[in-house]
Structures are given as C-alpha cells and as structure tokens.
Amino acid sequence: MRTDATGPEARTVAAAVDALEVPDLRTRVDRIAVVESLLSPKGPRYIARAELPLRAAALLASGS
C-alpha cells in the first residue's frame, strides 16, 4: 500500500485483504540447505553448500 494512502483507501485495501481466501498449503520438509546464489547476466545460479536432514523426517523414514 502506498505510504500516502488516504484513510478510505487504506480501509478498502484492508477489506480486500481480509476477504482473501488462502488455501491450506502443506508440504513435508525433510531437510534444510544452505544455498549460495550466484547472479550473472545469464540469470541466477543456485548451489547447495550444505544439506542436513531434519531429525523428525529421518525418524519417520526409518520407522522409529
């Protein structure tokens, strides 16, 4: 929202945001990664520098 929005404009935007229906999105996360982003004129390139499994996901996968 613009910083110079009037009160009515701000209320209109707030009402529109309140009316949004956001679906319940869920995904399983089984690891975390430290990723390096290299920017170039050809576009970004991402390199995973370290990855670690999450303990709960590892336990579920092993059946423990």
PDB file of N, CA and C in Angstrom:
ATOM      1  N   MET A   1       0.850  -1.164   0.000  1.00  0.00           N
ATOM      2  CA  MET A   1       0.000   0.000   0.000  1.00  0.00           C
ATOM      3  C   MET A   1       0.899   1.232   0.000  1.00  0.00           C
ATOM      4  N   ARG A   2       0.460   2.242  -0.682  1.00  0.00           N
ATOM      5  CA  ARG A   2       1.218   3.491  -0.718  1.00  0.00           C
ATOM      6  C   ARG A   2       1.298   4.091   0.682  1.00  0.00           C
ATOM      7  N   THR A   3       2.406   4.739   0.958  1.00  0.00           N
ATOM      8  CA  THR A   3       2.544   5.389   2.268  1.00  0.00           C
ATOM      9  C   THR A   3       1.671   6.630   2.369  1.00  0.00           C
ATOM     10  N   ASP A   4       1.246   7.169   1.221  1.00  0.00           N
ATOM     11  CA  ASP A   4       0.410   8.374   1.260  1.00  0.00           C
ATOM     12  C   ASP A   4      -1.074   8.055   1.012  1.00  0.00           C
ATOM     13  N   ALA A   5      -1.470   6.790   1.213  1.00  0.00           N
ATOM     14  CA  ALA A   5      -2.868   6.406   1.002  1.00  0.00           C
ATOM     15  C   ALA A   5      -3.759   7.116   2.008  1.00  0.00           C
ATOM     16  N   THR A   6      -4.941   7.480   1.541  1.00  0.00           N
ATOM     17  CA  THR A   6      -5.903   8.122   2.432  1.00  0.00           C
ATOM     18  C   THR A   6      -6.536   7.060   3.328  1.00  0.00           C
ATOM     19  N   GLY A   7      -7.225   7.496   4.361  1.00  0.00           N
ATOM     20  CA  GLY A   7      -7.918   6.572   5.256  1.00  0.00           C
ATOM     21  C   GLY A   7      -8.879   5.665   4.523  1.00  0.00           C
ATOM     22  N   PRO A   8      -9.751   6.217   3.655  1.00  0.00           N
ATOM     23  CA  PRO A   8     -10.674   5.356   2.911  1.00  0.00           C
ATOM     24  C   PRO A   8      -9.950   4.355   2.001  1.00  0.00           C
ATOM     25  N   GLU A   9      -8.860   4.789   1.367  1.00  0.00           N
ATOM     26  CA  GLU A   9      -8.093   3.866   0.514  1.00  0.00           C
ATOM     27  C   GLU A   9      -7.511   2.729   1.356  1.00  0.00           C
ATOM     28  N   ALA A  10      -6.967   3.061   2.499  1.00  0.00           N
ATOM     29  CA  ALA A  10      -6.375   2.051   3.374  1.00  0.00           C
ATOM     30  C   ALA A  10      -7.444   1.066   3.846  1.00  0.00           C
ATOM     31  N   ARG A  11      -8.618   1.552   4.185  1.00  0.00           N
ATOM     32  CA  ARG A  11      -9.704   0.670   4.628  1.00  0.00           C
ATOM     33  C   ARG A  11     -10.169  -0.243   3.490  1.00  0.00           C
ATOM     34  N   THR A  12     -10.206   0.294   2.268  1.00  0.00           N
ATOM     35  CA  THR A  12     -10.599  -0.511   1.112  1.00  0.00           C
ATOM     36  C   THR A  12      -9.608  -1.650   0.884  1.00  0.00           C
ATOM     37  N   VAL A  13      -8.327  -1.342   0.960  1.00  0.00           N
ATOM     38  CA  VAL A  13      -7.298  -2.372   0.788  1.00  0.00           C
ATOM     39  C   VAL A  13      -7.386  -3.391   1.921  1.00  0.00           C
ATOM     40  N   ALA A  14      -7.554  -2.924   3.156  1.00  0.00           N
ATOM     41  CA  ALA A  14      -7.654  -3.834   4.302  1.00  0.00           C
ATOM     42  C   ALA A  14      -8.846  -4.765   4.144  1.00  0.00           C
ATOM     43  N   ALA A  15      -9.984  -4.254   3.676  1.00  0.00           N
ATOM     44  CA  ALA A  15     -11.169  -5.086   3.481  1.00  0.00           C
ATOM     45  C   ALA A  15     -10.925  -6.126   2.389  1.00  0.00           C
ATOM     46  N   ALA A  16     -10.236  -5.737   1.326  1.00  0.00           N
ATOM     47  CA  ALA A  16      -9.937  -6.679   0.242  1.00  0.00           C
ATOM     48  C   ALA A  16      -9.005  -7.788   0.728  1.00  0.00           C
ATOM     49  N   VAL A  17      -8.012  -7.453   1.523  1.00  0.00           N
ATOM     50  CA  VAL A  17      -7.090  -8.454   2.064  1.00  0.00           C
ATOM     51  C   VAL A  17      -7.838  -9.383   3.017  1.00  0.00           C
ATOM     52  N   ASP A  18      -8.683  -8.834   3.859  1.00  0.00           N
ATOM     53  CA  ASP A  18      -9.468  -9.661   4.788  1.00  0.00           C
ATOM     54  C   ASP A  18     -10.380 -10.638   4.046  1.00  0.00           C
ATOM     55  N   ALA A  19     -10.842 -10.261   2.863  1.00  0.00           N
ATOM     56  CA  ALA A  19     -11.765 -11.102   2.106  1.00  0.00           C
ATOM     57  C   ALA A  19     -11.055 -12.224   1.342  1.00  0.00           C
ATOM     58  N   LEU A  20      -9.732 -12.162   1.251  1.00  0.00           N
ATOM     59  CA  LEU A  20      -8.998 -13.190   0.512  1.00  0.00           C
ATOM     60  C   LEU A  20      -9.136 -14.544   1.195  1.00  0.00           C
ATOM     61  N   GLU A  21      -9.295 -15.576   0.402  1.00  0.00           N
ATOM     62  CA  GLU A  21      -9.312 -16.939   0.924  1.00  0.00           C
ATOM     63  C   GLU A  21      -8.019 -17.615   0.490  1.00  0.00           C
ATOM     64  N   VAL A  22      -7.209 -17.945   1.467  1.00  0.00           N
ATOM     65  CA  VAL A  22      -5.928 -18.581   1.195  1.00  0.00           C
ATOM     66  C   VAL A  22      -6.069 -20.070   1.481  1.00  0.00           C
ATOM     67  N   PRO A  23      -5.779 -20.920   0.503  1.00  0.00           N
ATOM     68  CA  PRO A  23      -5.917 -22.352   0.732  1.00  0.00           C
ATOM     69  C   PRO A  23      -4.900 -22.836   1.763  1.00  0.00           C
ATOM     70  N   ASP A  24      -5.236 -23.925   2.437  1.00  0.00           N
ATOM     71  CA  ASP A  24      -4.338 -24.518   3.414  1.00  0.00           C
ATOM     72  C   ASP A  24      -3.255 -25.276   2.651  1.00  0.00           C
ATOM     73  N   LEU A  25      -2.083 -24.700   2.583  1.00  0.00           N
ATOM     74  CA  LEU A  25      -0.979 -25.305   1.841  1.00  0.00           C
ATOM     75  C   LEU A  25      -0.057 -26.026   2.816  1.00  0.00           C
ATOM     76  N   ARG A  26       0.224 -27.272   2.532  1.00  0.00           N
ATOM     77  CA  ARG A  26       1.118 -28.055   3.386  1.00  0.00           C
ATOM     78  C   ARG A  26       2.118 -28.785   2.508  1.00  0.00           C
ATOM     79  N   THR A  27       3.306 -28.911   3.020  1.00  0.00           N
ATOM     80  CA  THR A  27       4.326 -29.681   2.338  1.00  0.00           C
ATOM     81  C   THR A  27       5.243 -30.298   3.384  1.00  0.00           C
ATOM     82  N   ARG A  28       5.777 -31.429   3.091  1.00  0.00           N
ATOM     83  CA  ARG A  28       6.703 -32.081   4.008  1.00  0.00           C
ATOM     84  C   ARG A  28       8.102 -31.496   3.789  1.00  0.00           C
ATOM     85  N   VAL A  29       8.727 -31.122   4.858  1.00  0.00           N
ATOM     86  CA  VAL A  29      10.101 -30.612   4.820  1.00  0.00           C
ATOM     87  C   VAL A  29      10.966 -31.646   5.509  1.00  0.00           C
ATOM     88  N   ASP A  30      11.911 -32.212   4.756  1.00  0.00           N
ATOM     89  CA  ASP A  30      12.732 -33.262   5.343  1.00  0.00           C
ATOM     90  C   ASP A  30      14.203 -32.890   5.475  1.00  0.00           C
ATOM     91  N   ARG A  31      14.549 -31.698   4.996  1.00  0.00           N
ATOM     92  CA  ARG A  31      15.947 -31.259   5.122  1.00  0.00           C
ATOM     93  C   ARG A  31      16.017 -29.749   5.007  1.00  0.00           C
ATOM     94  N   ILE A  32      17.115 -29.215   5.482  1.00  0.00           N
ATOM     95  CA  ILE A  32      17.390 -27.792   5.302  1.00  0.00           C
ATOM     96  C   ILE A  32      18.686 -27.684   4.513  1.00  0.00           C
ATOM     97  N   ALA A  33      18.831 -26.586   3.800  1.00  0.00           N
ATOM     98  CA  ALA A  33      20.021 -26.400   2.979  1.00  0.00           C
ATOM     99  C   ALA A  33      20.506 -24.963   3.083  1.00  0.00           C
ATOM    100  N   VAL A  34      21.821 -24.825   3.030  1.00  0.00           N
ATOM    101  CA  VAL A  34      22.448 -23.511   2.886  1.00  0.00           C
ATOM    102  C   VAL A  34      22.764 -23.377   1.406  1.00  0.00           C
ATOM    103  N   VAL A  35      22.189 -22.347   0.783  1.00  0.00           N
ATOM    104  CA  VAL A  35      22.299 -22.214  -0.665  1.00  0.00           C
ATOM    105  C   VAL A  35      22.995 -20.905  -1.015  1.00  0.00           C
ATOM    106  N   GLU A  36      23.953 -21.009  -1.924  1.00  0.00           N
ATOM    107  CA  GLU A  36      24.637 -19.820  -2.431  1.00  0.00           C
ATOM    108  C   GLU A  36      23.958 -19.398  -3.725  1.00  0.00           C
ATOM    109  N   SER A  37      23.688 -18.116  -3.851  1.00  0.00           N
ATOM    110  CA  SER A  37      23.075 -17.573  -5.050  1.00  0.00           C
ATOM    111  C   SER A  37      24.134 -16.792  -5.821  1.00  0.00           C
ATOM    112  N   LEU A  38      24.385 -17.201  -7.041  1.00  0.00           N
ATOM    113  CA  LEU A  38      25.342 -16.507  -7.894  1.00  0.00           C
ATOM    114  C   LEU A  38      24.573 -15.783  -8.988  1.00  0.00           C
ATOM    115  N   LEU A  39      24.703 -14.485  -9.026  1.00  0.00           N
ATOM    116  CA  LEU A  39      23.979 -13.685 -10.011  1.00  0.00           C
ATOM    117  C   LEU A  39      24.888 -13.349 -11.181  1.00  0.00           C
ATOM    118  N   SER A  40      24.336 -13.457 -12.380  1.00  0.00           N
ATOM    119  CA  SER A  40      25.085 -13.106 -13.584  1.00  0.00           C
ATOM    120  C   SER A  40      24.107 -12.567 -14.612  1.00  0.00           C
ATOM    121  N   PRO A  41      24.613 -11.993 -15.690  1.00  0.00           N
ATOM    122  CA  PRO A  41      23.722 -11.502 -16.740  1.00  0.00           C
ATOM    123  C   PRO A  41      22.862 -12.621 -17.351  1.00  0.00           C
ATOM    124  N   LYS A  42      23.311 -13.875 -17.257  1.00  0.00           N
ATOM    125  CA  LYS A  42      22.550 -15.005 -17.787  1.00  0.00           C
ATOM    126  C   LYS A  42      21.446 -15.446 -16.831  1.00  0.00           C
ATOM    127  N   GLY A  43      21.433 -14.889 -15.636  1.00  0.00           N
ATOM    128  CA  GLY A  43      20.430 -15.271 -14.644  1.00  0.00           C
ATOM    129  C   GLY A  43      21.082 -15.862 -13.411  1.00  0.00           C
ATOM    130  N   PRO A  44      20.287 -16.102 -12.376  1.00  0.00           N
ATOM    131  CA  PRO A  44      20.847 -16.622 -11.134  1.00  0.00           C
ATOM    132  C   PRO A  44      21.183 -18.111 -11.249  1.00  0.00           C
ATOM    133  N   ARG A  45      22.159 -18.505 -10.459  1.00  0.00           N
ATOM    134  CA  ARG A  45      22.523 -19.918 -10.327  1.00  0.00           C
ATOM    135  C   ARG A  45      22.586 -20.220  -8.843  1.00  0.00           C
ATOM    136  N   TYR A  46      22.034 -21.337  -8.421  1.00  0.00           N
ATOM    137  CA  TYR A  46      21.972 -21.681  -7.014  1.00  0.00           C
ATOM    138  C   TYR A  46      22.784 -22.945  -6.762  1.00  0.00           C
ATOM    139  N   ILE A  47      23.627 -22.884  -5.732  1.00  0.00           N
ATOM    140  CA  ILE A  47      24.483 -24.011  -5.383  1.00  0.00           C
ATOM    141  C   ILE A  47      24.237 -24.357  -3.921  1.00  0.00           C
ATOM    142  N   ALA A  48      23.819 -25.604  -3.669  1.00  0.00           N
ATOM    143  CA  ALA A  48      23.629 -26.063  -2.287  1.00  0.00           C
ATOM    144  C   ALA A  48      25.011 -26.284  -1.678  1.00  0.00           C
ATOM    145  N   ARG A  49      25.336 -25.536  -0.648  1.00  0.00           N
ATOM    146  CA  ARG A  49      26.638 -25.642   0.002  1.00  0.00           C
ATOM    147  C   ARG A  49      26.639 -26.631   1.155  1.00  0.00           C
ATOM    148  N   ALA A  50      25.489 -26.842   1.766  1.00  0.00           N
ATOM    149  CA  ALA A  50      25.362 -27.823   2.846  1.00  0.00           C
ATOM    150  C   ALA A  50      23.906 -28.228   2.955  1.00  0.00           C
ATOM    151  N   GLU A  51      23.671 -29.506   3.230  1.00  0.00           N
ATOM    152  CA  GLU A  51      22.315 -30.002   3.443  1.00  0.00           C
ATOM    153  C   GLU A  51      22.320 -30.904   4.659  1.00  0.00           C
ATOM    154  N   LEU A  52      21.289 -30.771   5.480  1.00  0.00           N
ATOM    155  CA  LEU A  52      21.143 -31.613   6.657  1.00  0.00           C
ATOM    156  C   LEU A  52      19.714 -32.128   6.728  1.00  0.00           C
ATOM    157  N   PRO A  53      19.552 -33.444   6.968  1.00  0.00           N
ATOM    158  CA  PRO A  53      18.198 -33.954   7.140  1.00  0.00           C
ATOM    159  C   PRO A  53      17.644 -33.484   8.480  1.00  0.00           C
ATOM    160  N   LEU A  54      16.341 -33.280   8.522  1.00  0.00           N
ATOM    161  CA  LEU A  54      15.697 -32.934   9.785  1.00  0.00           C
ATOM    162  C   LEU A  54      15.455 -34.218  10.562  1.00  0.00           C
ATOM    163  N   ARG A  55      15.683 -34.191  11.854  1.00  0.00           N
ATOM    164  CA  ARG A  55      15.618 -35.388  12.690  1.00  0.00           C
ATOM    165  C   ARG A  55      14.250 -36.070  12.613  1.00  0.00           C
ATOM    166  N   ALA A  56      13.174 -35.323  12.734  1.00  0.00           N
ATOM    167  CA  ALA A  56      11.852 -35.929  12.709  1.00  0.00           C
ATOM    168  C   ALA A  56      11.596 -36.631  11.384  1.00  0.00           C
ATOM    169  N   ALA A  57      12.016 -36.053  10.284  1.00  0.00           N
ATOM    170  CA  ALA A  57      11.828 -36.666   8.978  1.00  0.00           C
ATOM    171  C   ALA A  57      12.663 -37.939   8.869  1.00  0.00           C
ATOM    172  N   ALA A  58      13.886 -37.920   9.397  1.00  0.00           N
ATOM    173  CA  ALA A  58      14.734 -39.102   9.363  1.00  0.00           C
ATOM    174  C   ALA A  58      14.135 -40.227  10.191  1.00  0.00           C
ATOM    175  N   LEU A  59      13.551 -39.895  11.340  1.00  0.00           N
ATOM    176  CA  LEU A  59      12.929 -40.909  12.187  1.00  0.00           C
ATOM    177  C   LEU A  59      11.704 -41.509  11.500  1.00  0.00           C
ATOM    178  N   LEU A  60      10.902 -40.671  10.856  1.00  0.00           N
ATOM    179  CA  LEU A  60       9.728 -41.173  10.136  1.00  0.00           C
ATOM    180  C   LEU A  60      10.144 -42.096   8.997  1.00  0.00           C
ATOM    181  N   ALA A  61      11.200 -41.738   8.281  1.00  0.00           N
ATOM    182  CA  ALA A  61      11.650 -42.528   7.166  1.00  0.00           C
ATOM    183  C   ALA A  61      12.186 -43.887   7.624  1.00  0.00           C
ATOM    184  N   SER A  62      12.786 -43.940   8.810  1.00  0.00           N
ATOM    185  CA  SER A  62      13.354 -45.192   9.306  1.00  0.00           C
ATOM    186  C   SER A  62      12.327 -46.042  10.046  1.00  0.00           C
ATOM    187  N   GLY A  63      11.156 -45.445  10.328  1.00  0.00           N
ATOM    188  CA  GLY A  63      10.116 -46.176  11.039  1.00  0.00           C
ATOM    189  C   GLY A  63      10.274 -46.171  12.545  1.00  0.00           C
ATOM    190  N   SER A  64      11.197 -45.401  13.075  1.00  0.00           N
ATOM    191  CA  SER A  64      11.426 -45.330  14.539  1.00  0.00           C
ATOM    192  C   SER A  64      10.461 -44.408  15.222  1.00  0.00           C
TER     193      SER A  64
END
